[in-house]
Amino acid sequence: MKKHLHINDELLISYLLKEVSVVQAHQVEKWRAANTANEHRFEQLRQIWDSSKNFTADPNINAWASLQKVKQRAAMQRAKVVPLQNRYNWLKVAAAILVIAGCAWLFIKQNNRQVEFASQETVKSDTLSDGSVVTLNKNALLSYPHMFSGAQRNVDLLKGEAFFSVTPNKAKPFIINTGNTSIRVVGTSFNVKNKNGVVEVIVETGIVQVSQGQYSVSLKPGEMILIQPKASKPTKANNPDHLYNYYRSKEFVADNVPLYRMVEVLNEAYNAHVIIERKELNKLPLNTTFKTDDSLDDILKVISHTFKITVEQQHDRIILK
């Protein structure tokens, strides 16, 4: 029973710090091996201690320094003949510091962790911690914090296309970083695409500020901007159609849309390689609506009948001529 009194939290902490003698280390190891309850208690203390060493959330709280003061006080107590209960009170203080620091560190680490949201082969939506909703087109990747903190709400569109419906908060602007472009909003809805380094932003509601290097452009509803990697400055224009919205609306809405534009979107949506062979076909106006669950063959048949053109398959290419 006497031996057991030596195995307390103070000794276990000293053991973790490698500040024990060979005899004390042997006592701790023998005590750990005695039963599973002892080992479980030791592992719990070690996990809390490991977490608390990395805790840096509040610069005004230094768990390590606090523990050292406690250990010093405990060392002073060892020099005196005092009841075991009084010494144990100081050990409870040390354990409390470890638990508070460890739990706080784990809480902050959990809230600050980055979430990677990938759509792969399906369109996906997710709601962020501020209530903003993001819809990813196929094969897109977004990184964002589990919980927003600080003066801004920052996310990274690492690749692909996404539609953002941002919850208004004037105190905390919403920032999307993609490539070398930064998009800043307060509360609005807009589409962002990053394809091979080319960034396209189309605004549906609100005002969006797009920045690249020294250039900063404000976009209003119905406006878009195209940023080429090697272009001298971004190109701002009116958005000519609503085809960009196909992955959310589940429709290809062609309202007097030139054929070349429809082919661009079909190639993207179906991962196809459709080519217009004759230049005079490029600007043929298309007025119809297709569903995204229609097959590419069926859509091309309608286009073929509409314009009296031929659709020819050549290996991995589909040629309109």
C-alpha atoms as a PDB file:
ATOM      1  CA  MET A   1       0.000   0.000   0.000  1.00  0.00           C
ATOM      2  CA  LYS A   2       2.890   2.328   0.794  1.00  0.00           C
ATOM      3  CA  LYS A   3       4.367   1.813  -2.618  1.00  0.00           C
ATOM      4  CA  HIS A   4       1.127   2.744  -4.253  1.00  0.00           C
ATOM      5  CA  LEU A   5       1.163   6.180  -2.561  1.00  0.00           C
ATOM      6  CA  HIS A   6       4.292   7.077  -4.520  1.00  0.00           C
ATOM      7  CA  ILE A   7       2.457   6.648  -7.847  1.00  0.00           C
ATOM      8  CA  ASN A   8       0.537   9.891  -8.018  1.00  0.00           C
ATOM      9  CA  ASP A   9      -0.084  12.493 -10.724  1.00  0.00           C
ATOM     10  CA  GLU A  10       3.025  14.453  -9.778  1.00  0.00           C
ATOM     11  CA  LEU A  11       5.251  11.429 -10.247  1.00  0.00           C
ATOM     12  CA  LEU A  12       3.530  10.517 -13.503  1.00  0.00           C
ATOM     13  CA  ILE A  13       4.022  14.071 -14.837  1.00  0.00           C
ATOM     14  CA  SER A  14       7.683  13.960 -13.812  1.00  0.00           C
ATOM     15  CA  TYR A  15       7.954  10.623 -15.585  1.00  0.00           C
ATOM     16  CA  LEU A  16       6.502  12.156 -18.765  1.00  0.00           C
ATOM     17  CA  LEU A  17       9.041  14.991 -18.490  1.00  0.00           C
ATOM     18  CA  LYS A  18      11.841  12.428 -17.993  1.00  0.00           C
ATOM     19  CA  GLU A  19      12.660  14.038 -14.641  1.00  0.00           C
ATOM     20  CA  VAL A  20      12.644  10.873 -12.545  1.00  0.00           C
ATOM     21  CA  SER A  21      15.372   8.610 -11.238  1.00  0.00           C
ATOM     22  CA  VAL A  22      15.932   5.102 -12.542  1.00  0.00           C
ATOM     23  CA  VAL A  23      14.234   3.713  -9.439  1.00  0.00           C
ATOM     24  CA  GLN A  24      11.206   5.977  -9.862  1.00  0.00           C
ATOM     25  CA  ALA A  25      10.949   5.119 -13.567  1.00  0.00           C
ATOM     26  CA  HIS A  26      10.993   1.419 -12.664  1.00  0.00           C
ATOM     27  CA  GLN A  27       8.238   2.014 -10.085  1.00  0.00           C
ATOM     28  CA  VAL A  28       6.037   3.772 -12.668  1.00  0.00           C
ATOM     29  CA  GLU A  29       6.576   1.053 -15.275  1.00  0.00           C
ATOM     30  CA  LYS A  30       5.826  -1.665 -12.710  1.00  0.00           C
ATOM     31  CA  TRP A  31       2.679   0.204 -11.640  1.00  0.00           C
ATOM     32  CA  ARG A  32       1.530   0.582 -15.280  1.00  0.00           C
ATOM     33  CA  ALA A  33       2.031  -3.136 -15.907  1.00  0.00           C
ATOM     34  CA  ALA A  34       0.124  -4.109 -12.756  1.00  0.00           C
ATOM     35  CA  ASN A  35      -3.351  -3.694 -14.291  1.00  0.00           C
ATOM     36  CA  THR A  36      -5.228  -2.152 -17.205  1.00  0.00           C
ATOM     37  CA  ALA A  37      -6.820   0.546 -15.022  1.00  0.00           C
ATOM     38  CA  ASN A  38      -3.390   1.952 -14.151  1.00  0.00           C
ATOM     39  CA  GLU A  39      -2.317   1.921 -17.794  1.00  0.00           C
ATOM     40  CA  HIS A  40      -5.555   3.601 -18.853  1.00  0.00           C
ATOM     41  CA  ARG A  41      -5.035   6.348 -16.266  1.00  0.00           C
ATOM     42  CA  PHE A  42      -1.468   6.894 -17.482  1.00  0.00           C
ATOM     43  CA  GLU A  43      -2.519   7.096 -21.161  1.00  0.00           C
ATOM     44  CA  GLN A  44      -5.228   9.630 -20.349  1.00  0.00           C
ATOM     45  CA  LEU A  45      -2.721  11.834 -18.539  1.00  0.00           C
ATOM     46  CA  ARG A  46      -0.216  11.492 -21.382  1.00  0.00           C
ATOM     47  CA  GLN A  47      -2.793  12.488 -24.032  1.00  0.00           C
ATOM     48  CA  ILE A  48      -3.843  15.561 -22.048  1.00  0.00           C
ATOM     49  CA  TRP A  49      -0.223  16.482 -21.437  1.00  0.00           C
ATOM     50  CA  ASP A  50       0.749  16.089 -25.129  1.00  0.00           C
ATOM     51  CA  SER A  51      -2.183  18.292 -26.152  1.00  0.00           C
ATOM     52  CA  SER A  52      -1.445  20.985 -23.585  1.00  0.00           C
ATOM     53  CA  LYS A  53       2.186  21.331 -24.768  1.00  0.00           C
ATOM     54  CA  ASN A  54       0.923  22.549 -28.151  1.00  0.00           C
ATOM     55  CA  PHE A  55      -1.756  24.849 -26.800  1.00  0.00           C
ATOM     56  CA  THR A  56      -1.046  28.402 -28.047  1.00  0.00           C
ATOM     57  CA  ALA A  57      -4.539  29.823 -28.528  1.00  0.00           C
ATOM     58  CA  ASP A  58      -4.295  32.507 -25.834  1.00  0.00           C
ATOM     59  CA  PRO A  59      -0.917  34.209 -25.419  1.00  0.00           C
ATOM     60  CA  ASN A  60      -1.957  35.333 -21.926  1.00  0.00           C
ATOM     61  CA  ILE A  61      -2.286  31.742 -20.727  1.00  0.00           C
ATOM     62  CA  ASN A  62       0.908  29.702 -20.466  1.00  0.00           C
ATOM     63  CA  ALA A  63      -0.002  26.223 -19.330  1.00  0.00           C
ATOM     64  CA  TRP A  64       3.639  25.097 -19.309  1.00  0.00           C
ATOM     65  CA  ALA A  65       4.771  27.985 -17.100  1.00  0.00           C
ATOM     66  CA  SER A  66       1.809  27.464 -14.787  1.00  0.00           C
ATOM     67  CA  LEU A  67       2.661  23.812 -14.447  1.00  0.00           C
ATOM     68  CA  GLN A  68       6.284  24.626 -13.633  1.00  0.00           C
ATOM     69  CA  LYS A  69       5.131  26.925 -10.821  1.00  0.00           C
ATOM     70  CA  VAL A  70       2.924  24.161  -9.514  1.00  0.00           C
ATOM     71  CA  LYS A  71       5.796  21.689  -9.682  1.00  0.00           C
ATOM     72  CA  GLN A  72       8.064  24.112  -7.842  1.00  0.00           C
ATOM     73  CA  ARG A  73       5.447  24.533  -5.131  1.00  0.00           C
ATOM     74  CA  ALA A  74       5.033  20.770  -4.969  1.00  0.00           C
ATOM     75  CA  ALA A  75       8.813  20.409  -4.628  1.00  0.00           C
ATOM     76  CA  MET A  76       8.759  22.818  -1.691  1.00  0.00           C
ATOM     77  CA  GLN A  77       6.010  20.768  -0.127  1.00  0.00           C
ATOM     78  CA  ARG A  78       8.155  17.638  -0.422  1.00  0.00           C
ATOM     79  CA  ALA A  79      10.788  19.283   1.763  1.00  0.00           C
ATOM     80  CA  LYS A  80       8.247  19.555   4.567  1.00  0.00           C
ATOM     81  CA  VAL A  81       6.368  16.907   6.477  1.00  0.00           C
ATOM     82  CA  VAL A  82       2.793  17.534   5.362  1.00  0.00           C
ATOM     83  CA  PRO A  83      -0.313  15.403   5.150  1.00  0.00           C
ATOM     84  CA  LEU A  84      -0.805  13.536   1.884  1.00  0.00           C
ATOM     85  CA  GLN A  85      -4.126  15.340   1.348  1.00  0.00           C
ATOM     86  CA  ASN A  86      -2.422  18.799   1.173  1.00  0.00           C
ATOM     87  CA  ARG A  87       0.108  17.576  -1.392  1.00  0.00           C
ATOM     88  CA  TYR A  88      -2.674  16.018  -3.398  1.00  0.00           C
ATOM     89  CA  ASN A  89      -4.484  19.390  -3.570  1.00  0.00           C
ATOM     90  CA  TRP A  90      -1.544  20.833  -5.493  1.00  0.00           C
ATOM     91  CA  LEU A  91      -1.562  17.832  -7.787  1.00  0.00           C
ATOM     92  CA  LYS A  92      -5.245  18.465  -8.471  1.00  0.00           C
ATOM     93  CA  VAL A  93      -4.349  22.034  -9.477  1.00  0.00           C
ATOM     94  CA  ALA A  94      -1.716  20.708 -11.886  1.00  0.00           C
ATOM     95  CA  ALA A  95      -4.166  18.226 -13.354  1.00  0.00           C
ATOM     96  CA  ALA A  96      -6.808  20.962 -13.701  1.00  0.00           C
ATOM     97  CA  ILE A  97      -4.371  23.179 -15.626  1.00  0.00           C
ATOM     98  CA  LEU A  98      -3.556  20.300 -17.940  1.00  0.00           C
ATOM     99  CA  VAL A  99      -7.205  19.445 -18.521  1.00  0.00           C
ATOM    100  CA  ILE A 100      -8.242  23.067 -19.209  1.00  0.00           C
ATOM    101  CA  ALA A 101      -5.300  23.709 -21.532  1.00  0.00           C
ATOM    102  CA  GLY A 102      -5.693  20.390 -23.294  1.00  0.00           C
ATOM    103  CA  CYS A 103      -9.444  20.717 -23.824  1.00  0.00           C
ATOM    104  CA  ALA A 104      -9.118  24.325 -25.005  1.00  0.00           C
ATOM    105  CA  TRP A 105      -6.407  23.349 -27.465  1.00  0.00           C
ATOM    106  CA  LEU A 106      -8.445  20.455 -28.802  1.00  0.00           C
ATOM    107  CA  PHE A 107     -11.527  22.699 -29.135  1.00  0.00           C
ATOM    108  CA  ILE A 108      -9.650  25.393 -31.055  1.00  0.00           C
ATOM    109  CA  LYS A 109      -7.861  22.822 -33.210  1.00  0.00           C
ATOM    110  CA  GLN A 110     -11.207  21.250 -34.110  1.00  0.00           C
ATOM    111  CA  ASN A 111     -12.773  24.611 -35.020  1.00  0.00           C
ATOM    112  CA  ASN A 112      -9.778  25.821 -37.040  1.00  0.00           C
ATOM    113  CA  ARG A 113      -9.267  22.631 -39.014  1.00  0.00           C
ATOM    114  CA  GLN A 114      -9.533  22.933 -42.785  1.00  0.00           C
ATOM    115  CA  VAL A 115     -12.246  20.979 -44.575  1.00  0.00           C
ATOM    116  CA  GLU A 116     -11.631  19.749 -48.118  1.00  0.00           C
ATOM    117  CA  PHE A 117     -14.896  19.535 -50.030  1.00  0.00           C
ATOM    118  CA  ALA A 118     -14.577  17.596 -53.311  1.00  0.00           C
ATOM    119  CA  SER A 119     -17.332  16.847 -55.813  1.00  0.00           C
ATOM    120  CA  GLN A 120     -15.579  14.260 -58.017  1.00  0.00           C
ATOM    121  CA  GLU A 121     -18.107  12.817 -60.488  1.00  0.00           C
ATOM    122  CA  THR A 122     -21.271  14.354 -59.005  1.00  0.00           C
ATOM    123  CA  VAL A 123     -22.526  17.876 -58.337  1.00  0.00           C
ATOM    124  CA  LYS A 124     -22.501  18.538 -54.579  1.00  0.00           C
ATOM    125  CA  SER A 125     -23.671  21.282 -52.204  1.00  0.00           C
ATOM    126  CA  ASP A 126     -22.563  22.144 -48.686  1.00  0.00           C
ATOM    127  CA  THR A 127     -23.516  24.743 -46.070  1.00  0.00           C
ATOM    128  CA  LEU A 128     -20.626  26.553 -44.375  1.00  0.00           C
ATOM    129  CA  SER A 129     -20.551  27.574 -40.701  1.00  0.00           C
ATOM    130  CA  ASP A 130     -21.874  31.081 -41.483  1.00  0.00           C
ATOM    131  CA  GLY A 131     -24.877  29.734 -43.409  1.00  0.00           C
ATOM    132  CA  SER A 132     -23.401  30.387 -46.857  1.00  0.00           C
ATOM    133  CA  VAL A 133     -24.177  27.659 -49.396  1.00  0.00           C
ATOM    134  CA  VAL A 134     -21.659  26.378 -51.942  1.00  0.00           C
ATOM    135  CA  THR A 135     -22.510  24.172 -54.921  1.00  0.00           C
ATOM    136  CA  LEU A 136     -19.600  22.446 -56.667  1.00  0.00           C
ATOM    137  CA  ASN A 137     -19.710  21.357 -60.279  1.00  0.00           C
ATOM    138  CA  LYS A 138     -18.135  17.990 -61.072  1.00  0.00           C
ATOM    139  CA  ASN A 139     -14.425  17.536 -60.324  1.00  0.00           C
ATOM    140  CA  ALA A 140     -14.108  20.671 -58.193  1.00  0.00           C
ATOM    141  CA  LEU A 141     -12.263  21.091 -54.905  1.00  0.00           C
ATOM    142  CA  LEU A 142     -12.915  23.685 -52.197  1.00  0.00           C
ATOM    143  CA  SER A 143     -11.004  24.197 -48.939  1.00  0.00           C
ATOM    144  CA  TYR A 144     -12.575  26.095 -46.036  1.00  0.00           C
ATOM    145  CA  PRO A 145     -12.317  26.261 -42.222  1.00  0.00           C
ATOM    146  CA  HIS A 146     -14.651  24.149 -40.106  1.00  0.00           C
ATOM    147  CA  MET A 147     -15.589  27.373 -38.287  1.00  0.00           C
ATOM    148  CA  PHE A 148     -14.911  30.889 -39.583  1.00  0.00           C
ATOM    149  CA  SER A 149     -12.873  33.075 -37.207  1.00  0.00           C
ATOM    150  CA  GLY A 150     -11.192  36.447 -37.428  1.00  0.00           C
ATOM    151  CA  ALA A 151     -12.159  39.500 -39.477  1.00  0.00           C
ATOM    152  CA  GLN A 152     -12.738  37.634 -42.760  1.00  0.00           C
ATOM    153  CA  ARG A 153     -14.384  34.474 -44.045  1.00  0.00           C
ATOM    154  CA  ASN A 154     -11.707  32.901 -46.256  1.00  0.00           C
ATOM    155  CA  VAL A 155     -12.116  29.910 -48.576  1.00  0.00           C
ATOM    156  CA  ASP A 156      -9.968  28.511 -51.387  1.00  0.00           C
ATOM    157  CA  LEU A 157     -11.336  27.173 -54.663  1.00  0.00           C
ATOM    158  CA  LEU A 158      -8.435  24.905 -55.539  1.00  0.00           C
ATOM    159  CA  LYS A 159      -9.856  23.762 -58.852  1.00  0.00           C
ATOM    160  CA  GLY A 160     -13.038  23.581 -60.879  1.00  0.00           C
ATOM    161  CA  GLU A 161     -16.274  25.518 -60.675  1.00  0.00           C
ATOM    162  CA  ALA A 162     -18.523  26.574 -57.804  1.00  0.00           C
ATOM    163  CA  PHE A 163     -21.592  28.702 -57.180  1.00  0.00           C
ATOM    164  CA  PHE A 164     -21.619  30.706 -53.944  1.00  0.00           C
ATOM    165  CA  SER A 165     -24.691  32.036 -52.156  1.00  0.00           C
ATOM    166  CA  VAL A 166     -23.081  34.086 -49.393  1.00  0.00           C
ATOM    167  CA  THR A 167     -24.795  35.022 -46.135  1.00  0.00           C
ATOM    168  CA  PRO A 168     -24.573  38.828 -45.643  1.00  0.00           C
ATOM    169  CA  ASN A 169     -22.193  40.057 -42.942  1.00  0.00           C
ATOM    170  CA  LYS A 170     -20.719  43.542 -43.459  1.00  0.00           C
ATOM    171  CA  ALA A 171     -18.370  43.082 -40.516  1.00  0.00           C
ATOM    172  CA  LYS A 172     -16.815  39.947 -42.029  1.00  0.00           C
ATOM    173  CA  PRO A 173     -16.357  39.972 -45.816  1.00  0.00           C
ATOM    174  CA  PHE A 174     -16.317  36.649 -47.629  1.00  0.00           C
ATOM    175  CA  ILE A 175     -13.080  36.063 -49.576  1.00  0.00           C
ATOM    176  CA  ILE A 176     -12.579  33.400 -52.264  1.00  0.00           C
ATOM    177  CA  ASN A 177      -9.015  32.779 -53.384  1.00  0.00           C
ATOM    178  CA  THR A 178      -8.474  30.874 -56.614  1.00  0.00           C
ATOM    179  CA  GLY A 179      -5.261  30.842 -58.611  1.00  0.00           C
ATOM    180  CA  ASN A 180      -3.810  34.366 -58.401  1.00  0.00           C
ATOM    181  CA  THR A 181      -7.277  35.918 -58.100  1.00  0.00           C
ATOM    182  CA  SER A 182      -9.108  37.158 -55.008  1.00  0.00           C
ATOM    183  CA  ILE A 183     -12.896  37.613 -54.949  1.00  0.00           C
ATOM    184  CA  ARG A 184     -14.387  39.715 -52.147  1.00  0.00           C
ATOM    185  CA  VAL A 185     -18.078  39.916 -51.247  1.00  0.00           C
ATOM    186  CA  VAL A 186     -20.318  40.759 -48.294  1.00  0.00           C
ATOM    187  CA  GLY A 187     -23.556  39.014 -49.233  1.00  0.00           C
ATOM    188  CA  THR A 188     -24.254  38.003 -52.808  1.00  0.00           C
ATOM    189  CA  SER A 189     -24.511  35.086 -55.247  1.00  0.00           C
ATOM    190  CA  PHE A 190     -22.105  34.382 -58.074  1.00  0.00           C
ATOM    191  CA  ASN A 191     -20.352  31.684 -60.085  1.00  0.00           C
ATOM    192  CA  VAL A 192     -16.587  31.104 -60.085  1.00  0.00           C
ATOM    193  CA  LYS A 193     -14.680  28.849 -62.467  1.00  0.00           C
ATOM    194  CA  ASN A 194     -10.963  28.079 -62.437  1.00  0.00           C
ATOM    195  CA  LYS A 195     -10.048  25.988 -65.472  1.00  0.00           C
ATOM    196  CA  ASN A 196      -6.400  25.566 -66.412  1.00  0.00           C
ATOM    197  CA  GLY A 197      -5.549  28.841 -64.703  1.00  0.00           C
ATOM    198  CA  VAL A 198      -8.266  30.827 -66.480  1.00  0.00           C
ATOM    199  CA  VAL A 199     -10.634  32.355 -63.906  1.00  0.00           C
ATOM    200  CA  GLU A 200     -14.199  33.345 -64.788  1.00  0.00           C
ATOM    201  CA  VAL A 201     -16.569  35.134 -62.397  1.00  0.00           C
ATOM    202  CA  ILE A 202     -20.268  35.703 -63.183  1.00  0.00           C
ATOM    203  CA  VAL A 203     -22.483  37.673 -60.786  1.00  0.00           C
ATOM    204  CA  GLU A 204     -26.166  36.925 -60.193  1.00  0.00           C
ATOM    205  CA  THR A 205     -26.953  39.199 -57.211  1.00  0.00           C
ATOM    206  CA  GLY A 206     -25.132  41.862 -55.215  1.00  0.00           C
ATOM    207  CA  ILE A 207     -21.721  43.348 -55.962  1.00  0.00           C
ATOM    208  CA  VAL A 208     -18.516  41.352 -56.278  1.00  0.00           C
ATOM    209  CA  GLN A 209     -15.000  42.798 -56.172  1.00  0.00           C
ATOM    210  CA  VAL A 210     -12.421  40.823 -58.152  1.00  0.00           C
ATOM    211  CA  SER A 211      -8.719  41.534 -57.667  1.00  0.00           C
ATOM    212  CA  GLN A 212      -5.674  40.354 -59.564  1.00  0.00           C
ATOM    213  CA  GLY A 213      -2.349  41.971 -58.790  1.00  0.00           C
ATOM    214  CA  GLN A 214      -2.745  45.733 -59.129  1.00  0.00           C
ATOM    215  CA  TYR A 215      -6.147  45.462 -60.804  1.00  0.00           C
ATOM    216  CA  SER A 216      -9.458  45.518 -58.951  1.00  0.00           C
ATOM    217  CA  VAL A 217     -12.832  45.385 -60.708  1.00  0.00           C
ATOM    218  CA  SER A 218     -16.373  45.606 -59.281  1.00  0.00           C
ATOM    219  CA  LEU A 219     -19.057  43.469 -60.918  1.00  0.00           C
ATOM    220  CA  LYS A 220     -22.806  43.987 -60.771  1.00  0.00           C
ATOM    221  CA  PRO A 221     -25.570  41.454 -61.525  1.00  0.00           C
ATOM    222  CA  GLY A 222     -25.398  40.257 -65.131  1.00  0.00           C
ATOM    223  CA  GLU A 223     -21.699  41.119 -65.452  1.00  0.00           C
ATOM    224  CA  MET A 224     -18.731  38.801 -65.736  1.00  0.00           C
ATOM    225  CA  ILE A 225     -14.973  38.940 -65.813  1.00  0.00           C
ATOM    226  CA  LEU A 226     -12.401  36.691 -67.474  1.00  0.00           C
ATOM    227  CA  ILE A 227      -8.861  36.545 -66.120  1.00  0.00           C
ATOM    228  CA  GLN A 228      -6.221  34.959 -68.343  1.00  0.00           C
ATOM    229  CA  PRO A 229      -2.895  33.938 -66.722  1.00  0.00           C
ATOM    230  CA  LYS A 230      -0.771  35.980 -69.166  1.00  0.00           C
ATOM    231  CA  ALA A 231      -3.203  38.804 -69.933  1.00  0.00           C
ATOM    232  CA  SER A 232      -2.157  42.359 -69.043  1.00  0.00           C
ATOM    233  CA  LYS A 233      -5.456  43.014 -67.232  1.00  0.00           C
ATOM    234  CA  PRO A 234      -8.823  41.321 -66.600  1.00  0.00           C
ATOM    235  CA  THR A 235     -11.573  41.521 -69.224  1.00  0.00           C
ATOM    236  CA  LYS A 236     -14.975  42.715 -67.995  1.00  0.00           C
ATOM    237  CA  ALA A 237     -18.156  42.143 -70.033  1.00  0.00           C
ATOM    238  CA  ASN A 238     -21.890  41.517 -69.842  1.00  0.00           C
ATOM    239  CA  ASN A 239     -22.776  37.877 -69.331  1.00  0.00           C
ATOM    240  CA  PRO A 240     -24.242  36.745 -72.698  1.00  0.00           C
ATOM    241  CA  ASP A 241     -26.221  33.688 -71.574  1.00  0.00           C
ATOM    242  CA  HIS A 242     -27.264  31.417 -68.694  1.00  0.00           C
ATOM    243  CA  LEU A 243     -25.523  28.243 -69.838  1.00  0.00           C
ATOM    244  CA  TYR A 244     -22.994  28.521 -66.985  1.00  0.00           C
ATOM    245  CA  ASN A 245     -25.820  27.601 -64.618  1.00  0.00           C
ATOM    246  CA  TYR A 246     -26.536  24.177 -66.143  1.00  0.00           C
ATOM    247  CA  TYR A 247     -25.054  22.129 -63.278  1.00  0.00           C
ATOM    248  CA  ARG A 248     -27.448  23.756 -60.797  1.00  0.00           C
ATOM    249  CA  SER A 249     -30.547  24.229 -62.967  1.00  0.00           C
ATOM    250  CA  LYS A 250     -30.145  20.790 -64.623  1.00  0.00           C
ATOM    251  CA  GLU A 251     -30.914  22.457 -67.953  1.00  0.00           C
ATOM    252  CA  PHE A 252     -29.021  23.856 -70.927  1.00  0.00           C
ATOM    253  CA  VAL A 253     -31.059  26.977 -71.701  1.00  0.00           C
ATOM    254  CA  ALA A 254     -30.145  28.297 -75.142  1.00  0.00           C
ATOM    255  CA  ASP A 255     -31.740  31.670 -75.849  1.00  0.00           C
ATOM    256  CA  ASN A 256     -30.378  32.751 -79.213  1.00  0.00           C
ATOM    257  CA  VAL A 257     -27.035  31.186 -78.254  1.00  0.00           C
ATOM    258  CA  PRO A 258     -24.421  30.706 -81.012  1.00  0.00           C
ATOM    259  CA  LEU A 259     -23.648  27.092 -81.782  1.00  0.00           C
ATOM    260  CA  TYR A 260     -19.964  27.373 -80.803  1.00  0.00           C
ATOM    261  CA  ARG A 261     -20.973  28.431 -77.287  1.00  0.00           C
ATOM    262  CA  MET A 262     -23.331  25.483 -76.885  1.00  0.00           C
ATOM    263  CA  VAL A 263     -20.574  23.138 -78.064  1.00  0.00           C
ATOM    264  CA  GLU A 264     -18.166  24.602 -75.460  1.00  0.00           C
ATOM    265  CA  VAL A 265     -20.610  23.877 -72.642  1.00  0.00           C
ATOM    266  CA  LEU A 266     -21.495  20.400 -73.933  1.00  0.00           C
ATOM    267  CA  ASN A 267     -17.813  19.466 -74.097  1.00  0.00           C
ATOM    268  CA  GLU A 268     -17.417  20.546 -70.485  1.00  0.00           C
ATOM    269  CA  ALA A 269     -20.590  18.915 -69.170  1.00  0.00           C
ATOM    270  CA  TYR A 270     -20.102  15.578 -70.944  1.00  0.00           C
ATOM    271  CA  ASN A 271     -16.293  15.567 -70.961  1.00  0.00           C
ATOM    272  CA  ALA A 272     -16.526  15.250 -74.728  1.00  0.00           C
ATOM    273  CA  HIS A 273     -14.539  16.452 -77.742  1.00  0.00           C
ATOM    274  CA  VAL A 274     -17.069  17.974 -80.149  1.00  0.00           C
ATOM    275  CA  ILE A 275     -15.595  20.021 -83.019  1.00  0.00           C
ATOM    276  CA  ILE A 276     -17.284  22.394 -85.473  1.00  0.00           C
ATOM    277  CA  GLU A 277     -15.533  21.767 -88.757  1.00  0.00           C
ATOM    278  CA  ARG A 278     -16.909  24.691 -90.825  1.00  0.00           C
ATOM    279  CA  LYS A 279     -16.463  28.222 -89.461  1.00  0.00           C
ATOM    280  CA  GLU A 280     -19.762  29.397 -90.943  1.00  0.00           C
ATOM    281  CA  LEU A 281     -21.569  27.098 -88.487  1.00  0.00           C
ATOM    282  CA  ASN A 282     -20.072  28.776 -85.401  1.00  0.00           C
ATOM    283  CA  LYS A 283     -22.617  31.571 -85.072  1.00  0.00           C
ATOM    284  CA  LEU A 284     -25.781  29.684 -85.989  1.00  0.00           C
ATOM    285  CA  PRO A 285     -28.333  30.789 -83.327  1.00  0.00           C
ATOM    286  CA  LEU A 286     -29.801  28.053 -81.142  1.00  0.00           C
ATOM    287  CA  ASN A 287     -33.122  28.542 -79.322  1.00  0.00           C
ATOM    288  CA  THR A 288     -34.061  25.528 -77.241  1.00  0.00           C
ATOM    289  CA  THR A 289     -33.687  23.887 -73.839  1.00  0.00           C
ATOM    290  CA  PHE A 290     -32.024  20.541 -73.152  1.00  0.00           C
ATOM    291  CA  LYS A 291     -31.999  18.596 -69.899  1.00  0.00           C
ATOM    292  CA  THR A 292     -28.669  17.638 -68.351  1.00  0.00           C
ATOM    293  CA  ASP A 293     -29.869  14.046 -68.092  1.00  0.00           C
ATOM    294  CA  ASP A 294     -30.357  13.910 -71.872  1.00  0.00           C
ATOM    295  CA  SER A 295     -27.627  11.950 -73.612  1.00  0.00           C
ATOM    296  CA  LEU A 296     -25.075  13.829 -75.692  1.00  0.00           C
ATOM    297  CA  ASP A 297     -26.120  11.790 -78.745  1.00  0.00           C
ATOM    298  CA  ASP A 298     -29.741  12.909 -78.368  1.00  0.00           C
ATOM    299  CA  ILE A 299     -28.741  16.563 -78.019  1.00  0.00           C
ATOM    300  CA  LEU A 300     -26.517  16.405 -81.098  1.00  0.00           C
ATOM    301  CA  LYS A 301     -29.304  14.775 -83.075  1.00  0.00           C
ATOM    302  CA  VAL A 302     -31.589  17.730 -82.318  1.00  0.00           C
ATOM    303  CA  ILE A 303     -28.832  20.164 -83.322  1.00  0.00           C
ATOM    304  CA  SER A 304     -28.213  18.189 -86.506  1.00  0.00           C
ATOM    305  CA  HIS A 305     -31.906  18.283 -87.498  1.00  0.00           C
ATOM    306  CA  THR A 306     -32.258  21.944 -86.559  1.00  0.00           C
ATOM    307  CA  PHE A 307     -29.400  23.166 -88.740  1.00  0.00           C
ATOM    308  CA  LYS A 308     -29.365  20.367 -91.318  1.00  0.00           C
ATOM    309  CA  ILE A 309     -25.778  19.457 -90.522  1.00  0.00           C
ATOM    310  CA  THR A 310     -23.948  16.137 -90.250  1.00  0.00           C
ATOM    311  CA  VAL A 311     -22.635  14.588 -87.019  1.00  0.00           C
ATOM    312  CA  GLU A 312     -19.688  12.271 -87.566  1.00  0.00           C
ATOM    313  CA  GLN A 313     -17.797  10.211 -84.970  1.00  0.00           C
ATOM    314  CA  GLN A 314     -14.039   9.890 -85.525  1.00  0.00           C
ATOM    315  CA  HIS A 315     -12.285   7.975 -82.757  1.00  0.00           C
ATOM    316  CA  ASP A 316     -12.589  10.186 -79.658  1.00  0.00           C
ATOM    317  CA  ARG A 317     -13.836  13.206 -81.615  1.00  0.00           C
ATOM    318  CA  ILE A 318     -17.321  14.184 -82.745  1.00  0.00           C
ATOM    319  CA  ILE A 319     -17.343  16.438 -85.784  1.00  0.00           C
ATOM    320  CA  LEU A 320     -20.165  18.765 -86.810  1.00  0.00           C
ATOM    321  CA  LYS A 321     -20.036  19.568 -90.508  1.00  0.00           C
END
